[in-house]
Amino acid sequence: MRRAVFVLGLLLAGCAQPQLRAVAEHSYRLHGIESQQPAPGVAPVVLSVLPVDAAPGLDGAAMLYSPAPGQLLPYRDSGWLAPPPALVRAALAQTLARQPWVAAVEQDVALAPAPWLLHCELTRLEHDAAPLPGSVRLGLRCELVGEPEGRIAAHWRSDLSRPLQVGDAAHYAAAAQQLLDDALRDVLRQVAAALQARAPAPKAS
């Protein structure tokens, strides 16, 4: 009889867990996209992707959700494979390296500086859970620094959100990847446009 009561207590305790609790322990990652942005008339360039800065709370591997404005909590049993700024930086480098107008992507190279530097800050990555199932929000602010004389060639900000169908870690990670895909496409458009604007004018015949 005691065993039956104990088992029943465990079942009731499980039912009482908040809906945002992940079913099992998982680690999630973010990755680059296969998309290519054409940049006609631009010779392939070397780009250096600098470390991505993090807003407060985003420097760890926790997957954050916001049950109320101004409050951030970590998912109990799920997290990112690495801190989100590191994942975003790797995704930026992967995506840029796939472009035909990028000769090479440098990271942490202590040699001669690349002619073009991309610096971004992850300003937001969270699951806004109120009301459930809520939505995922991602903010990325970037600037491209390059020729001539190390001036800022472009700067932009992506503030994106996507509603969730289910408020759990797996759907949160999937929505975050979709938002990052959009932000990466914006990076490609902005960088390509800046390179085109700095391209030498065609010589008159």
C-alpha atoms as a PDB file:
ATOM      1  CA  MET A   1       0.000   0.000   0.000  1.00  0.00           C
ATOM      2  CA  ARG A   2       2.810   2.399   0.895  1.00  0.00           C
ATOM      3  CA  ARG A   3       4.459   1.678  -2.479  1.00  0.00           C
ATOM      4  CA  ALA A   4       1.227   2.500  -4.317  1.00  0.00           C
ATOM      5  CA  VAL A   5       0.931   5.789  -2.437  1.00  0.00           C
ATOM      6  CA  PHE A   6       4.585   6.598  -3.237  1.00  0.00           C
ATOM      7  CA  VAL A   7       4.080   5.922  -6.956  1.00  0.00           C
ATOM      8  CA  LEU A   8       0.902   7.990  -6.982  1.00  0.00           C
ATOM      9  CA  GLY A   9       2.780  10.831  -5.303  1.00  0.00           C
ATOM     10  CA  LEU A  10       5.467  10.743  -7.994  1.00  0.00           C
ATOM     11  CA  LEU A  11       2.856  10.838 -10.751  1.00  0.00           C
ATOM     12  CA  LEU A  12       1.081  13.797  -9.174  1.00  0.00           C
ATOM     13  CA  ALA A  13       4.386  15.609  -8.711  1.00  0.00           C
ATOM     14  CA  GLY A  14       5.171  15.079 -12.381  1.00  0.00           C
ATOM     15  CA  CYS A  15       1.825  16.531 -13.399  1.00  0.00           C
ATOM     16  CA  ALA A  16       2.523  19.582 -11.281  1.00  0.00           C
ATOM     17  CA  GLN A  17       5.720  20.506 -13.161  1.00  0.00           C
ATOM     18  CA  PRO A  18       5.505  23.714 -15.231  1.00  0.00           C
ATOM     19  CA  GLN A  19       4.758  23.317 -18.925  1.00  0.00           C
ATOM     20  CA  LEU A  20       8.119  24.835 -19.859  1.00  0.00           C
ATOM     21  CA  ARG A  21      10.023  21.918 -18.335  1.00  0.00           C
ATOM     22  CA  ALA A  22      11.752  19.870 -21.048  1.00  0.00           C
ATOM     23  CA  VAL A  23      10.834  16.185 -21.239  1.00  0.00           C
ATOM     24  CA  ALA A  24      14.455  15.024 -21.252  1.00  0.00           C
ATOM     25  CA  GLU A  25      17.939  16.487 -21.151  1.00  0.00           C
ATOM     26  CA  HIS A  26      18.983  17.854 -24.537  1.00  0.00           C
ATOM     27  CA  SER A  27      21.552  20.188 -25.989  1.00  0.00           C
ATOM     28  CA  TYR A  28      20.732  22.255 -29.044  1.00  0.00           C
ATOM     29  CA  ARG A  29      22.919  24.085 -31.526  1.00  0.00           C
ATOM     30  CA  LEU A  30      22.553  26.749 -34.194  1.00  0.00           C
ATOM     31  CA  HIS A  31      24.135  26.541 -37.630  1.00  0.00           C
ATOM     32  CA  GLY A  32      24.708  28.528 -40.804  1.00  0.00           C
ATOM     33  CA  ILE A  33      22.591  28.569 -43.960  1.00  0.00           C
ATOM     34  CA  GLU A  34      23.256  27.374 -47.485  1.00  0.00           C
ATOM     35  CA  SER A  35      21.833  30.501 -49.133  1.00  0.00           C
ATOM     36  CA  GLN A  36      24.052  32.535 -51.415  1.00  0.00           C
ATOM     37  CA  GLN A  37      23.788  36.262 -52.001  1.00  0.00           C
ATOM     38  CA  PRO A  38      24.994  37.404 -55.406  1.00  0.00           C
ATOM     39  CA  ALA A  39      27.465  40.273 -55.475  1.00  0.00           C
ATOM     40  CA  PRO A  40      28.220  40.971 -59.147  1.00  0.00           C
ATOM     41  CA  GLY A  41      31.277  43.035 -59.927  1.00  0.00           C
ATOM     42  CA  VAL A  42      32.978  42.414 -56.565  1.00  0.00           C
ATOM     43  CA  ALA A  43      36.257  40.563 -56.419  1.00  0.00           C
ATOM     44  CA  PRO A  44      36.384  37.906 -53.649  1.00  0.00           C
ATOM     45  CA  VAL A  45      37.341  39.458 -50.321  1.00  0.00           C
ATOM     46  CA  VAL A  46      38.817  38.237 -47.044  1.00  0.00           C
ATOM     47  CA  LEU A  47      36.530  38.728 -44.072  1.00  0.00           C
ATOM     48  CA  SER A  48      37.333  38.444 -40.388  1.00  0.00           C
ATOM     49  CA  VAL A  49      34.420  37.460 -38.149  1.00  0.00           C
ATOM     50  CA  LEU A  50      35.117  38.892 -34.701  1.00  0.00           C
ATOM     51  CA  PRO A  51      33.802  37.335 -31.471  1.00  0.00           C
ATOM     52  CA  VAL A  52      30.099  38.018 -31.021  1.00  0.00           C
ATOM     53  CA  ASP A  53      29.312  40.122 -27.968  1.00  0.00           C
ATOM     54  CA  ALA A  54      26.560  38.978 -25.638  1.00  0.00           C
ATOM     55  CA  ALA A  55      23.803  40.832 -23.867  1.00  0.00           C
ATOM     56  CA  PRO A  56      23.517  40.091 -20.112  1.00  0.00           C
ATOM     57  CA  GLY A  57      22.457  36.505 -19.491  1.00  0.00           C
ATOM     58  CA  LEU A  58      23.499  35.237 -22.926  1.00  0.00           C
ATOM     59  CA  ASP A  59      27.114  34.462 -22.070  1.00  0.00           C
ATOM     60  CA  GLY A  60      26.220  30.975 -20.765  1.00  0.00           C
ATOM     61  CA  ALA A  61      24.699  27.910 -22.413  1.00  0.00           C
ATOM     62  CA  ALA A  62      21.297  28.244 -20.740  1.00  0.00           C
ATOM     63  CA  MET A  63      18.164  28.363 -22.871  1.00  0.00           C
ATOM     64  CA  LEU A  64      16.269  31.306 -21.413  1.00  0.00           C
ATOM     65  CA  TYR A  65      12.550  31.894 -21.157  1.00  0.00           C
ATOM     66  CA  SER A  66      10.674  34.891 -19.878  1.00  0.00           C
ATOM     67  CA  PRO A  67       7.544  34.076 -17.843  1.00  0.00           C
ATOM     68  CA  ALA A  68       6.911  37.787 -17.242  1.00  0.00           C
ATOM     69  CA  PRO A  69       8.368  41.091 -18.494  1.00  0.00           C
ATOM     70  CA  GLY A  70      11.790  41.759 -17.001  1.00  0.00           C
ATOM     71  CA  GLN A  71      12.240  38.170 -15.795  1.00  0.00           C
ATOM     72  CA  LEU A  72      14.495  35.539 -17.386  1.00  0.00           C
ATOM     73  CA  LEU A  73      14.817  31.929 -16.240  1.00  0.00           C
ATOM     74  CA  PRO A  74      16.742  28.944 -17.654  1.00  0.00           C
ATOM     75  CA  TYR A  75      15.113  25.799 -18.958  1.00  0.00           C
ATOM     76  CA  ARG A  76      15.652  23.093 -16.364  1.00  0.00           C
ATOM     77  CA  ASP A  77      16.813  20.150 -18.473  1.00  0.00           C
ATOM     78  CA  SER A  78      17.819  21.639 -21.819  1.00  0.00           C
ATOM     79  CA  GLY A  79      20.472  24.068 -22.985  1.00  0.00           C
ATOM     80  CA  TRP A  80      22.550  25.221 -25.923  1.00  0.00           C
ATOM     81  CA  LEU A  81      25.543  23.151 -26.947  1.00  0.00           C
ATOM     82  CA  ALA A  82      27.700  26.256 -26.372  1.00  0.00           C
ATOM     83  CA  PRO A  83      26.973  29.855 -25.372  1.00  0.00           C
ATOM     84  CA  PRO A  84      24.726  31.402 -28.057  1.00  0.00           C
ATOM     85  CA  PRO A  85      27.273  34.088 -29.088  1.00  0.00           C
ATOM     86  CA  ALA A  86      29.765  31.336 -29.990  1.00  0.00           C
ATOM     87  CA  LEU A  87      27.097  29.454 -31.956  1.00  0.00           C
ATOM     88  CA  VAL A  88      26.082  32.619 -33.807  1.00  0.00           C
ATOM     89  CA  ARG A  89      29.697  33.437 -34.642  1.00  0.00           C
ATOM     90  CA  ALA A  90      30.229  29.944 -36.052  1.00  0.00           C
ATOM     91  CA  ALA A  91      27.009  30.278 -38.083  1.00  0.00           C
ATOM     92  CA  LEU A  92      28.163  33.647 -39.452  1.00  0.00           C
ATOM     93  CA  ALA A  93      31.525  32.180 -40.493  1.00  0.00           C
ATOM     94  CA  GLN A  94      29.902  29.111 -42.092  1.00  0.00           C
ATOM     95  CA  THR A  95      27.413  31.206 -44.048  1.00  0.00           C
ATOM     96  CA  LEU A  96      29.966  33.739 -45.297  1.00  0.00           C
ATOM     97  CA  ALA A  97      32.455  31.032 -46.296  1.00  0.00           C
ATOM     98  CA  ARG A  98      29.833  29.623 -48.677  1.00  0.00           C
ATOM     99  CA  GLN A  99      29.593  32.859 -50.672  1.00  0.00           C
ATOM    100  CA  PRO A 100      31.387  33.017 -54.042  1.00  0.00           C
ATOM    101  CA  TRP A 101      32.426  36.609 -53.280  1.00  0.00           C
ATOM    102  CA  VAL A 102      34.268  35.631 -50.084  1.00  0.00           C
ATOM    103  CA  ALA A 103      37.812  34.383 -50.620  1.00  0.00           C
ATOM    104  CA  ALA A 104      38.352  33.404 -46.972  1.00  0.00           C
ATOM    105  CA  VAL A 105      36.837  33.829 -43.530  1.00  0.00           C
ATOM    106  CA  GLU A 106      39.231  34.410 -40.646  1.00  0.00           C
ATOM    107  CA  GLN A 107      38.623  33.862 -36.946  1.00  0.00           C
ATOM    108  CA  ASP A 108      41.154  34.535 -34.206  1.00  0.00           C
ATOM    109  CA  VAL A 109      44.005  35.042 -36.678  1.00  0.00           C
ATOM    110  CA  ALA A 110      46.906  36.989 -35.195  1.00  0.00           C
ATOM    111  CA  LEU A 111      48.533  37.839 -38.529  1.00  0.00           C
ATOM    112  CA  ALA A 112      47.916  40.811 -40.769  1.00  0.00           C
ATOM    113  CA  PRO A 113      44.355  42.061 -40.237  1.00  0.00           C
ATOM    114  CA  ALA A 114      41.759  41.207 -42.852  1.00  0.00           C
ATOM    115  CA  PRO A 115      40.605  44.123 -45.008  1.00  0.00           C
ATOM    116  CA  TRP A 116      37.017  43.628 -43.832  1.00  0.00           C
ATOM    117  CA  LEU A 117      35.864  43.002 -40.246  1.00  0.00           C
ATOM    118  CA  LEU A 118      32.389  41.877 -39.223  1.00  0.00           C
ATOM    119  CA  HIS A 119      31.429  42.507 -35.618  1.00  0.00           C
ATOM    120  CA  CYS A 120      28.050  41.534 -34.176  1.00  0.00           C
ATOM    121  CA  GLU A 121      26.289  41.571 -30.831  1.00  0.00           C
ATOM    122  CA  LEU A 122      23.585  39.121 -29.845  1.00  0.00           C
ATOM    123  CA  THR A 123      21.198  41.446 -28.058  1.00  0.00           C
ATOM    124  CA  ARG A 124      18.384  38.988 -27.455  1.00  0.00           C
ATOM    125  CA  LEU A 125      17.581  35.286 -27.641  1.00  0.00           C
ATOM    126  CA  GLU A 126      14.728  34.120 -25.476  1.00  0.00           C
ATOM    127  CA  HIS A 127      11.374  32.415 -25.325  1.00  0.00           C
ATOM    128  CA  ASP A 128       8.735  34.920 -24.226  1.00  0.00           C
ATOM    129  CA  ALA A 129       6.397  32.457 -22.555  1.00  0.00           C
ATOM    130  CA  ALA A 130       3.494  34.708 -21.566  1.00  0.00           C
ATOM    131  CA  PRO A 131       0.918  33.847 -22.650  1.00  0.00           C
ATOM    132  CA  LEU A 132       1.789  30.202 -23.351  1.00  0.00           C
ATOM    133  CA  PRO A 133       3.057  28.872 -25.685  1.00  0.00           C
ATOM    134  CA  GLY A 134       4.502  32.338 -26.415  1.00  0.00           C
ATOM    135  CA  SER A 135       7.086  33.329 -29.001  1.00  0.00           C
ATOM    136  CA  VAL A 136      10.838  33.299 -29.580  1.00  0.00           C
ATOM    137  CA  ARG A 137      12.733  36.570 -30.032  1.00  0.00           C
ATOM    138  CA  LEU A 138      16.183  37.125 -31.482  1.00  0.00           C
ATOM    139  CA  GLY A 139      18.096  40.366 -31.765  1.00  0.00           C
ATOM    140  CA  LEU A 140      21.367  40.786 -33.657  1.00  0.00           C
ATOM    141  CA  ARG A 141      23.233  44.061 -34.146  1.00  0.00           C
ATOM    142  CA  CYS A 142      26.161  44.150 -36.588  1.00  0.00           C
ATOM    143  CA  GLU A 143      28.624  46.470 -38.230  1.00  0.00           C
ATOM    144  CA  LEU A 144      31.012  45.944 -41.122  1.00  0.00           C
ATOM    145  CA  VAL A 145      34.336  47.752 -40.900  1.00  0.00           C
ATOM    146  CA  GLY A 146      36.684  47.906 -43.846  1.00  0.00           C
ATOM    147  CA  GLU A 147      38.439  49.792 -46.546  1.00  0.00           C
ATOM    148  CA  PRO A 148      39.347  52.518 -46.738  1.00  0.00           C
ATOM    149  CA  GLU A 149      41.001  53.405 -43.431  1.00  0.00           C
ATOM    150  CA  GLY A 150      38.971  51.072 -41.254  1.00  0.00           C
ATOM    151  CA  ARG A 151      35.741  53.016 -41.510  1.00  0.00           C
ATOM    152  CA  ILE A 152      32.293  51.591 -40.769  1.00  0.00           C
ATOM    153  CA  ALA A 153      30.896  50.589 -44.146  1.00  0.00           C
ATOM    154  CA  ALA A 154      27.526  49.394 -42.858  1.00  0.00           C
ATOM    155  CA  HIS A 155      25.664  48.866 -39.632  1.00  0.00           C
ATOM    156  CA  TRP A 156      22.260  47.330 -39.071  1.00  0.00           C
ATOM    157  CA  ARG A 157      20.027  45.633 -36.550  1.00  0.00           C
ATOM    158  CA  SER A 158      17.729  42.629 -36.852  1.00  0.00           C
ATOM    159  CA  ASP A 159      14.909  42.336 -34.294  1.00  0.00           C
ATOM    160  CA  LEU A 160      12.946  39.208 -35.107  1.00  0.00           C
ATOM    161  CA  SER A 161      10.225  37.117 -33.492  1.00  0.00           C
ATOM    162  CA  ARG A 162       8.290  33.975 -34.298  1.00  0.00           C
ATOM    163  CA  PRO A 163       5.271  32.467 -32.489  1.00  0.00           C
ATOM    164  CA  LEU A 164       5.533  28.992 -30.993  1.00  0.00           C
ATOM    165  CA  GLN A 165       3.044  26.196 -31.471  1.00  0.00           C
ATOM    166  CA  VAL A 166       4.339  24.319 -28.432  1.00  0.00           C
ATOM    167  CA  GLY A 167       6.215  25.861 -25.507  1.00  0.00           C
ATOM    168  CA  ASP A 168       9.076  23.411 -25.131  1.00  0.00           C
ATOM    169  CA  ALA A 169      12.825  23.413 -25.739  1.00  0.00           C
ATOM    170  CA  ALA A 170      12.703  21.584 -29.080  1.00  0.00           C
ATOM    171  CA  HIS A 171      10.244  24.055 -30.605  1.00  0.00           C
ATOM    172  CA  TYR A 172      12.160  26.952 -29.051  1.00  0.00           C
ATOM    173  CA  ALA A 173      15.399  25.759 -30.684  1.00  0.00           C
ATOM    174  CA  ALA A 174      13.700  25.248 -34.058  1.00  0.00           C
ATOM    175  CA  ALA A 175      12.179  28.741 -33.974  1.00  0.00           C
ATOM    176  CA  ALA A 176      15.518  30.239 -32.926  1.00  0.00           C
ATOM    177  CA  GLN A 177      17.182  28.595 -35.941  1.00  0.00           C
ATOM    178  CA  GLN A 178      14.527  29.983 -38.278  1.00  0.00           C
ATOM    179  CA  LEU A 179      15.059  33.474 -36.858  1.00  0.00           C
ATOM    180  CA  LEU A 180      18.825  33.114 -37.164  1.00  0.00           C
ATOM    181  CA  ASP A 181      18.360  32.034 -40.794  1.00  0.00           C
ATOM    182  CA  ASP A 182      16.533  35.316 -41.450  1.00  0.00           C
ATOM    183  CA  ALA A 183      19.200  37.304 -39.599  1.00  0.00           C
ATOM    184  CA  LEU A 184      21.975  35.593 -41.595  1.00  0.00           C
ATOM    185  CA  ARG A 185      20.241  36.423 -44.880  1.00  0.00           C
ATOM    186  CA  ASP A 186      20.116  40.028 -43.703  1.00  0.00           C
ATOM    187  CA  VAL A 187      23.863  39.877 -42.966  1.00  0.00           C
ATOM    188  CA  LEU A 188      24.529  38.613 -46.488  1.00  0.00           C
ATOM    189  CA  ARG A 189      22.436  41.374 -48.055  1.00  0.00           C
ATOM    190  CA  GLN A 190      24.060  44.092 -45.973  1.00  0.00           C
ATOM    191  CA  VAL A 191      27.646  42.892 -46.492  1.00  0.00           C
ATOM    192  CA  ALA A 192      27.164  42.333 -50.221  1.00  0.00           C
ATOM    193  CA  ALA A 193      25.613  45.788 -50.631  1.00  0.00           C
ATOM    194  CA  ALA A 194      28.484  47.420 -48.722  1.00  0.00           C
ATOM    195  CA  LEU A 195      31.086  45.632 -50.834  1.00  0.00           C
ATOM    196  CA  GLN A 196      29.323  46.643 -54.023  1.00  0.00           C
ATOM    197  CA  ALA A 197      29.230  50.269 -52.867  1.00  0.00           C
ATOM    198  CA  ARG A 198      33.010  50.190 -52.317  1.00  0.00           C
ATOM    199  CA  ALA A 199      33.791  48.411 -55.585  1.00  0.00           C
ATOM    200  CA  PRO A 200      35.818  50.469 -58.082  1.00  0.00           C
ATOM    201  CA  ALA A 201      33.772  52.141 -60.778  1.00  0.00           C
ATOM    202  CA  PRO A 202      34.188  50.551 -64.236  1.00  0.00           C
ATOM    203  CA  LYS A 203      36.691  52.341 -66.422  1.00  0.00           C
ATOM    204  CA  ALA A 204      35.288  54.318 -69.302  1.00  0.00           C
ATOM    205  CA  SER A 205      36.088  52.830 -72.683  1.00  0.00           C
END
